[in-house]
C-alpha atoms as a PDB file:
ATOM      1  CA  MET A   1      38.760 -26.666 -47.593  1.00  0.00           C
ATOM      2  CA  ARG A   2      39.415 -29.029 -44.831  1.00  0.00           C
ATOM      3  CA  LEU A   3      42.988 -29.679 -43.587  1.00  0.00           C
ATOM      4  CA  ASN A   4      44.819 -32.145 -45.485  1.00  0.00           C
ATOM      5  CA  SER A   5      47.932 -34.173 -44.317  1.00  0.00           C
ATOM      6  CA  GLU A   6      50.444 -31.796 -45.825  1.00  0.00           C
ATOM      7  CA  GLN A   7      48.843 -28.694 -43.845  1.00  0.00           C
ATOM      8  CA  ILE A   8      48.732 -30.872 -40.729  1.00  0.00           C
ATOM      9  CA  SER A   9      52.382 -31.625 -41.072  1.00  0.00           C
ATOM     10  CA  LYS A  10      53.316 -27.919 -41.409  1.00  0.00           C
ATOM     11  CA  ILE A  11      50.938 -26.959 -38.477  1.00  0.00           C
ATOM     12  CA  VAL A  12      52.564 -29.507 -36.207  1.00  0.00           C
ATOM     13  CA  GLN A  13      56.046 -28.077 -37.042  1.00  0.00           C
ATOM     14  CA  ILE A  14      54.690 -24.709 -35.944  1.00  0.00           C
ATOM     15  CA  PHE A  15      53.189 -26.081 -32.760  1.00  0.00           C
ATOM     16  CA  GLU A  16      56.569 -27.587 -31.914  1.00  0.00           C
ATOM     17  CA  GLN A  17      58.109 -24.244 -31.906  1.00  0.00           C
ATOM     18  CA  ASP A  18      56.019 -22.767 -29.216  1.00  0.00           C
ATOM     19  CA  PRO A  19      57.049 -23.905 -25.561  1.00  0.00           C
ATOM     20  CA  THR A  20      53.694 -22.536 -24.169  1.00  0.00           C
ATOM     21  CA  LEU A  21      51.628 -24.558 -26.569  1.00  0.00           C
ATOM     22  CA  LEU A  22      53.828 -27.705 -25.821  1.00  0.00           C
ATOM     23  CA  ASN A  23      53.333 -27.202 -22.079  1.00  0.00           C
ATOM     24  CA  ASN A  24      49.711 -27.091 -22.500  1.00  0.00           C
ATOM     25  CA  HIS A  25      49.268 -29.792 -25.100  1.00  0.00           C
ATOM     26  CA  ASN A  26      46.445 -31.442 -23.133  1.00  0.00           C
ATOM     27  CA  MET A  27      44.439 -28.236 -23.018  1.00  0.00           C
ATOM     28  CA  VAL A  28      44.897 -27.740 -26.719  1.00  0.00           C
ATOM     29  CA  ALA A  29      43.675 -31.349 -27.434  1.00  0.00           C
ATOM     30  CA  VAL A  30      40.591 -31.044 -25.106  1.00  0.00           C
ATOM     31  CA  HIS A  31      39.764 -27.564 -26.551  1.00  0.00           C
ATOM     32  CA  LEU A  32      39.738 -29.038 -30.118  1.00  0.00           C
ATOM     33  CA  GLY A  33      37.255 -31.762 -28.834  1.00  0.00           C
ATOM     34  CA  THR A  34      39.569 -34.649 -28.685  1.00  0.00           C
ATOM     35  CA  GLU A  35      37.776 -37.257 -26.486  1.00  0.00           C
ATOM     36  CA  ARG A  36      39.314 -37.243 -22.957  1.00  0.00           C
ATOM     37  CA  THR A  37      39.908 -41.069 -23.226  1.00  0.00           C
ATOM     38  CA  LEU A  38      42.162 -40.442 -26.380  1.00  0.00           C
ATOM     39  CA  VAL A  39      43.870 -37.531 -24.739  1.00  0.00           C
ATOM     40  CA  ALA A  40      44.755 -39.560 -21.741  1.00  0.00           C
ATOM     41  CA  GLN A  41      45.897 -42.438 -23.921  1.00  0.00           C
ATOM     42  CA  LEU A  42      48.059 -39.967 -26.016  1.00  0.00           C
ATOM     43  CA  LYS A  43      49.459 -38.504 -22.763  1.00  0.00           C
ATOM     44  CA  LEU A  44      50.686 -41.850 -21.346  1.00  0.00           C
ATOM     45  CA  GLN A  45      52.282 -42.612 -24.729  1.00  0.00           C
ATOM     46  CA  LEU A  46      54.072 -39.280 -24.677  1.00  0.00           C
ATOM     47  CA  LEU A  47      55.184 -39.841 -20.994  1.00  0.00           C
ATOM     48  CA  ALA A  48      56.349 -43.306 -21.780  1.00  0.00           C
ATOM     49  CA  GLY A  49      58.298 -41.978 -24.850  1.00  0.00           C
ATOM     50  CA  THR A  50      56.508 -44.209 -27.316  1.00  0.00           C
ATOM     51  CA  ILE A  51      55.248 -41.075 -29.245  1.00  0.00           C
ATOM     52  CA  THR A  52      56.666 -37.419 -29.707  1.00  0.00           C
ATOM     53  CA  PHE A  53      54.808 -34.282 -29.468  1.00  0.00           C
ATOM     54  CA  ALA A  54      54.721 -34.212 -33.272  1.00  0.00           C
ATOM     55  CA  GLU A  55      52.699 -37.531 -33.211  1.00  0.00           C
ATOM     56  CA  PHE A  56      50.595 -36.437 -30.323  1.00  0.00           C
ATOM     57  CA  PHE A  57      49.465 -33.268 -32.269  1.00  0.00           C
ATOM     58  CA  SER A  58      49.237 -34.952 -35.454  1.00  0.00           C
ATOM     59  CA  LYS A  59      46.690 -37.489 -34.032  1.00  0.00           C
ATOM     60  CA  VAL A  60      44.791 -34.781 -32.341  1.00  0.00           C
ATOM     61  CA  LEU A  61      44.618 -32.685 -35.463  1.00  0.00           C
ATOM     62  CA  ALA A  62      43.489 -35.733 -37.483  1.00  0.00           C
ATOM     63  CA  ASP A  63      40.801 -36.423 -34.943  1.00  0.00           C
ATOM     64  CA  TRP A  64      39.651 -32.731 -35.137  1.00  0.00           C
ATOM     65  CA  VAL A  65      39.425 -33.026 -38.920  1.00  0.00           C
ATOM     66  CA  THR A  66      37.431 -36.295 -38.762  1.00  0.00           C
ATOM     67  CA  SER A  67      35.078 -34.779 -36.150  1.00  0.00           C
ATOM     68  CA  ASN A  68      34.558 -31.413 -38.080  1.00  0.00           C
ATOM     69  CA  GLY A  69      34.823 -32.454 -41.655  1.00  0.00           C
ATOM     70  CA  GLU A  70      34.568 -29.501 -44.020  1.00  0.00           C
ATOM     71  CA  ASN A  71      34.581 -27.035 -41.160  1.00  0.00           C
ATOM     72  CA  ALA A  72      38.132 -28.106 -40.231  1.00  0.00           C
ATOM     73  CA  THR A  73      39.885 -25.439 -42.057  1.00  0.00           C
ATOM     74  CA  VAL A  74      43.056 -23.377 -41.472  1.00  0.00           C
ATOM     75  CA  SER A  75      40.825 -20.382 -40.627  1.00  0.00           C
ATOM     76  CA  LYS A  76      38.837 -22.388 -38.082  1.00  0.00           C
ATOM     77  CA  LEU A  77      41.912 -23.775 -36.385  1.00  0.00           C
ATOM     78  CA  CYS A  78      43.375 -20.304 -36.152  1.00  0.00           C
ATOM     79  CA  GLU A  79      40.049 -18.997 -34.460  1.00  0.00           C
ATOM     80  CA  GLU A  80      40.244 -21.941 -31.977  1.00  0.00           C
ATOM     81  CA  LEU A  81      43.840 -21.116 -31.315  1.00  0.00           C
ATOM     82  CA  ARG A  82      42.986 -17.495 -30.704  1.00  0.00           C
ATOM     83  CA  GLU A  83      40.438 -18.531 -28.229  1.00  0.00           C
ATOM     84  CA  MET A  84      43.098 -20.243 -26.251  1.00  0.00           C
ATOM     85  CA  GLN A  85      45.408 -17.170 -26.531  1.00  0.00           C
ATOM     86  CA  PHE A  86      47.928 -18.751 -28.971  1.00  0.00           C
ATOM     87  CA  ILE A  87      47.723 -15.547 -31.095  1.00  0.00           C
ATOM     88  CA  MET A  88      51.338 -15.746 -32.326  1.00  0.00           C
ATOM     89  CA  VAL A  89      50.936 -19.482 -33.325  1.00  0.00           C
ATOM     90  CA  ALA A  90      47.635 -18.639 -35.237  1.00  0.00           C
ATOM     91  CA  GLU A  91      49.433 -15.834 -37.064  1.00  0.00           C
ATOM     92  CA  MET A  92      52.333 -18.084 -37.980  1.00  0.00           C
ATOM     93  CA  ILE A  93      49.878 -20.688 -39.319  1.00  0.00           C
ATOM     94  CA  GLU A  94      48.100 -18.017 -41.332  1.00  0.00           C
ATOM     95  CA  THR A  95      51.247 -16.884 -42.967  1.00  0.00           C
ATOM     96  CA  GLN A  96      53.166 -20.160 -43.371  1.00  0.00           C
ATOM     97  CA  VAL A  97      50.474 -22.845 -44.159  1.00  0.00           C
ATOM     98  CA  PRO A  98      49.076 -22.704 -47.665  1.00  0.00           C
ATOM     99  CA  VAL A  99      45.257 -22.650 -47.853  1.00  0.00           C
ATOM    100  CA  ALA A 100      44.111 -25.836 -49.699  1.00  0.00           C
ATOM    101  CA  THR A 101      42.192 -25.507 -52.992  1.00  0.00           C
ATOM    102  CA  SER A 102      40.095 -28.062 -54.583  1.00  0.00           C
ATOM    103  CA  SER A 103      41.279 -29.536 -58.050  1.00  0.00           C
ATOM    104  CA  ALA A 104      38.133 -27.980 -59.629  1.00  0.00           C
ATOM    105  CA  ALA A 105      39.109 -24.528 -58.273  1.00  0.00           C
ATOM    106  CA  LEU A 106      42.626 -25.107 -59.640  1.00  0.00           C
ATOM    107  CA  HIS A 107      41.407 -25.761 -63.224  1.00  0.00           C
ATOM    108  CA  GLU A 108      38.714 -23.058 -63.210  1.00  0.00           C
ATOM    109  CA  GLY A 109      40.660 -20.742 -65.299  1.00  0.00           C
ATOM    110  CA  ASP A 110      41.676 -23.365 -67.814  1.00  0.00           C
END
């Protein structure tokens, strides 16, 4: 299932714990397919102090979900992070972010 706002919030918290990922925030955004104009805009806002890293990554992940639809899953994000060599971040996400399930799947056994 595609990432939801609760999962994005938890992922952003994990991102904020990794100094290397924070230092490479632009690369992460570009790798995830964020338009360069949006990355530049977010970077300026970050430098000006009008947004935080949490807001930067929340917007990048929301854009990624919009662009990738149902393919924007926890496992796909972890795959992308591994491609960028953020292996420990991917492992933290896999262990700390619950995988979303549809309401139909939740009631399947009723």
